Each structure stands twice: as C-alpha cells, then as structure tokens.
Amino acid sequence: MAKYQNKVYLASPFFSEGQKNRINEVVELLKQNPTIDTDGIFIPEEHQFEAEPFGSFKWQDAVFASDMRQVHKADVVVAILDYQNEEGNPEPDSGTIFEIGAAFENNTPVIMVQFETAHKLNLMLSRSYTAFFNGHEDIQNLKSYDFNDLEQRYTTMEVF
C-alpha cells in the first residue's frame, strides 16, 4: 500500500543567497522523502503577487492572504529558523515565526530545521514543534523522517 504523501508549507526567509541555499537544500531532502508530495511543497518566494508593485498595500494583502491560506491547507509546516547566519544574528525571521504560530494555532504539525547548532531556542518556539532537526548532519534525516507518523523529535538546545 502506498504511503500518503503530505503537502508542505516551507516557512523560511528568502532574502539572501545563504537563505536561498538553505531552502534549496531542505527542498531537495524533502523531495527524497516518500511521505512528501514532491509537487505539493509550497515555497512562498515562488508565489509572490506580481500584478501589484512589490511592497504596495495590495501586494502585501495578497501575499499575506495567499501565505495564510497555504499554511492552513498544508499537512505540515517545515520551518527553517536560520535567518541572518552570515551576519551573526541568531534570531529567526519574524515572518517565519508568525507562520509557525499560525500553523500551531491551526493544529498543523510544525517541523523545525536549524542549520546553526550554536543558537538558543525561544521558549515559545521550543513548545510549538513536533520535530526538530538541528545541524547540517541531522537535517539530512529529513529525507527519511516519516511525515505520516510524525514521531516527536526533541532538541537539547538551550532555551531562553
């Protein structure tokens, strides 16, 4: 019997080359996972509302509405926490945090991914995930994680 293939909303900043590289790596790993619908990975950067000028009120309204619809339609949200690693900033992107909160409130499982192992994790984030993949080596496990069973994976990171 074929396994159900989950639709994914990929929450992540996409403003720098480093961020885009992290997205590409996570997407490639997810595409190798038999419990993921490879055509059902929603990447917000690929769905910008181009009929209106970037940053305009109408653009903001359309992008926000589309992203929230997709968060609520997803079977699971995979969130990349790394934001400005290259600048030494350990804080996650505020948009990504908002999407995690929207998913949590919607009872959508949240899978967190963090490439930089030295960062601490905020208390609210630490209690809102189903599984946490910490560090480049651990992130490779995304290709074999069962998104149907959603086994709890905790981190021993320091919480603040």
Protein backbone atom coordinates (compact mmCIF):
# COMPACT_ATOMS: atom_id res chain seq x y z
CA MET A 1 0.00 0.00 0.00
CA ALA A 2 1.37 3.40 -0.98
CA LYS A 3 2.05 5.87 1.79
CA TYR A 4 0.15 9.13 1.96
CA GLN A 5 2.23 11.99 0.60
CA ASN A 6 1.97 15.15 2.67
CA LYS A 7 1.68 18.69 1.37
CA VAL A 8 4.29 21.02 2.88
CA TYR A 9 4.38 24.76 3.51
CA LEU A 10 8.04 25.75 3.68
CA ALA A 11 8.38 28.70 6.07
CA SER A 12 11.70 30.47 5.65
CA PRO A 13 13.27 33.81 4.83
CA PHE A 14 14.44 34.07 1.21
CA PHE A 15 16.21 37.43 1.08
CA SER A 16 19.86 36.37 0.75
CA GLU A 17 21.89 33.80 -1.15
CA GLY A 18 22.57 31.88 2.09
CA GLN A 19 18.86 31.71 2.88
CA LYS A 20 18.04 30.53 -0.64
CA ASN A 21 20.76 27.88 -0.43
CA ARG A 22 19.26 26.56 2.82
CA ILE A 23 15.81 26.45 1.20
CA ASN A 24 17.17 24.55 -1.81
CA GLU A 25 18.90 22.00 0.43
CA VAL A 26 15.78 21.38 2.52
CA VAL A 27 13.58 21.09 -0.60
CA GLU A 28 15.96 18.55 -2.15
CA LEU A 29 15.88 16.46 1.04
CA LEU A 30 12.07 16.65 1.24
CA LYS A 31 11.78 15.57 -2.39
CA GLN A 32 13.66 12.37 -1.50
CA ASN A 33 11.14 11.54 1.22
CA PRO A 34 8.43 9.06 0.17
CA THR A 35 5.93 10.61 2.63
CA ILE A 36 6.14 14.03 0.94
CA ASP A 37 4.20 15.11 -2.16
CA THR A 38 7.08 16.46 -4.27
CA ASP A 39 4.63 18.63 -6.24
CA GLY A 40 2.99 19.81 -3.03
CA ILE A 41 5.85 21.79 -1.46
CA PHE A 42 4.70 25.41 -1.25
CA ILE A 43 7.63 27.84 -1.30
CA PRO A 44 6.33 31.38 -0.67
CA GLU A 45 9.09 33.03 -2.73
CA GLU A 46 7.69 31.28 -5.81
CA HIS A 47 4.20 32.71 -5.23
CA GLN A 48 4.59 36.47 -5.00
CA PHE A 49 1.71 38.64 -6.21
CA GLU A 50 3.34 40.24 -9.23
CA ALA A 51 0.24 42.06 -10.52
CA GLU A 52 0.91 44.83 -8.00
CA PRO A 53 4.11 46.74 -7.18
CA PHE A 54 6.31 44.99 -4.62
CA GLY A 55 5.57 46.27 -1.12
CA SER A 56 2.35 48.11 -2.03
CA PHE A 57 -0.69 47.65 0.21
CA LYS A 58 -2.45 45.46 -2.38
CA TRP A 59 0.69 43.36 -2.83
CA GLN A 60 1.06 42.93 0.96
CA ASP A 61 -2.61 42.00 1.33
CA ALA A 62 -2.48 39.42 -1.49
CA VAL A 63 0.79 37.82 -0.33
CA PHE A 64 -0.38 37.63 3.30
CA ALA A 65 -3.73 36.08 2.32
CA SER A 66 -2.09 33.56 -0.02
CA ASP A 67 0.54 32.52 2.52
CA MET A 68 -2.02 32.08 5.32
CA ARG A 69 -4.29 30.04 3.01
CA GLN A 70 -1.36 27.78 2.17
CA VAL A 71 -0.30 27.39 5.82
CA HIS A 72 -3.84 26.25 6.62
CA LYS A 73 -4.04 23.91 3.60
CA ALA A 74 -0.72 22.22 4.35
CA ASP A 75 -0.48 18.88 6.10
CA VAL A 76 2.73 20.04 7.76
CA VAL A 77 4.82 23.23 8.02
CA VAL A 78 8.58 22.85 7.71
CA ALA A 79 10.23 25.97 9.13
CA ILE A 80 13.87 26.94 8.60
CA LEU A 81 14.85 29.02 11.63
CA ASP A 82 18.19 30.31 10.34
CA TYR A 83 17.79 33.91 9.22
CA GLN A 84 20.90 36.07 9.16
CA ASN A 85 23.54 33.46 9.99
CA GLU A 86 26.04 35.14 7.71
CA GLU A 87 25.71 38.36 9.76
CA GLY A 88 25.98 36.53 13.09
CA ASN A 89 22.33 37.15 14.02
CA PRO A 90 20.89 34.09 15.83
CA GLU A 91 17.26 35.31 15.79
CA PRO A 92 14.78 33.60 13.44
CA ASP A 93 12.92 35.66 10.82
CA SER A 94 9.76 37.28 12.23
CA GLY A 95 7.66 36.15 9.24
CA THR A 96 8.75 32.56 9.76
CA ILE A 97 7.86 32.82 13.46
CA PHE A 98 4.42 34.18 12.53
CA GLU A 99 3.84 31.27 10.14
CA ILE A 100 4.87 28.79 12.87
CA GLY A 101 2.33 30.39 15.22
CA ALA A 102 -0.41 30.28 12.57
CA ALA A 103 0.32 26.59 11.92
CA PHE A 104 0.38 25.76 15.62
CA GLU A 105 -2.93 27.54 16.21
CA ASN A 106 -4.40 25.59 13.26
CA ASN A 107 -3.16 22.28 14.75
CA THR A 108 -0.84 21.81 11.79
CA PRO A 109 2.35 19.96 12.79
CA VAL A 110 5.50 22.08 12.69
CA ILE A 111 8.86 20.60 11.80
CA MET A 112 11.71 22.96 12.68
CA VAL A 113 15.05 22.98 10.92
CA GLN A 114 18.13 24.86 12.09
CA PHE A 115 21.48 24.67 10.33
CA GLU A 116 23.45 26.55 13.01
CA THR A 117 23.67 24.34 16.11
CA ALA A 118 25.04 27.01 18.46
CA HIS A 119 21.85 29.12 18.53
CA LYS A 120 19.49 29.07 21.50
CA LEU A 121 15.77 28.45 21.04
CA ASN A 122 13.00 30.73 22.28
CA LEU A 123 10.62 29.10 24.79
CA MET A 124 7.53 29.67 22.63
CA LEU A 125 9.18 28.04 19.62
CA SER A 126 10.52 25.20 21.75
CA ARG A 127 6.99 24.19 22.74
CA SER A 128 5.36 24.52 19.32
CA TYR A 129 7.21 21.95 17.23
CA THR A 130 6.57 18.29 16.52
CA ALA A 131 10.12 17.55 15.42
CA PHE A 132 13.37 19.48 15.43
CA PHE A 133 16.32 18.86 13.12
CA ASN A 134 19.40 20.65 14.43
CA GLY A 135 22.62 20.96 12.48
CA HIS A 136 23.58 20.08 8.93
CA GLU A 137 24.13 16.38 9.69
CA ASP A 138 20.79 15.98 11.49
CA ILE A 139 18.94 17.85 8.72
CA GLN A 140 19.87 15.03 6.34
CA ASN A 141 17.31 12.93 8.24
CA LEU A 142 14.50 14.92 6.59
CA LYS A 143 14.73 12.53 3.65
CA SER A 144 13.77 9.55 5.84
CA TYR A 145 11.57 11.12 8.55
CA ASP A 146 8.04 9.68 8.41
CA PHE A 147 5.75 12.68 7.95
CA ASN A 148 2.75 10.36 8.38
CA ASP A 149 3.74 9.09 11.83
CA LEU A 150 5.25 12.43 12.91
CA GLU A 151 7.45 10.96 15.62
CA GLN A 152 8.31 13.57 18.25
CA ARG A 153 11.95 14.66 17.96
CA TYR A 154 13.19 16.89 20.76
CA THR A 155 16.28 19.03 20.91
CA THR A 156 18.55 19.54 23.88
CA MET A 157 19.27 23.11 22.84
CA GLU A 158 19.36 25.79 25.48
CA VAL A 159 16.00 27.57 25.75
CA PHE A 160 15.57 31.24 26.62
